[in-house]
């Protein structure tokens, strides 16, 4: 009986591995949840922070930030993400100016970041882009020095 379970487990593991990382990730990924939504000062856009568990009980979380038209949901994938982190604490989105979004955090292991976003990413802005609206994205760690590492190069402990 134990040999049969071991063989089935082995075959399942080999089969999932052969399918590729994208399929494996889809199989072990759970539903994303919206952690924060902040409306721009102009009132027409939302900055949305998503937290998504992955890998079941042995996995962790990923955080992603998107800019979307007001009230619209964030994409279910990384399309048009402006920020992605595998570790994030003290997170907050601050949008005090129409063209500037700040991502505040205490500790972050940032996997993806880009500092410019354009309205053309989510809607038609005209043939020559004459109705485009740009937003600069700024990282704002709470410490002026290290975020993820300590001064001696060790990883900072997170909760």
Foldseek 3Di string as FASTA:
>chain_A
DVVVVVVVVVVVVVVLVVVDDVSVFVVFWDFKDWDDWDAAPVRFKIKTKIWTWGRPPPTAIKIWIAIATPPDDDDRDCQRTAWMFRDWAPWDWDHPHRQEIETETQATHTDHHDFKDKPVSHDDCDDVNPNIHMHGYYYHYPDPDDRQADPVGHGDDDD
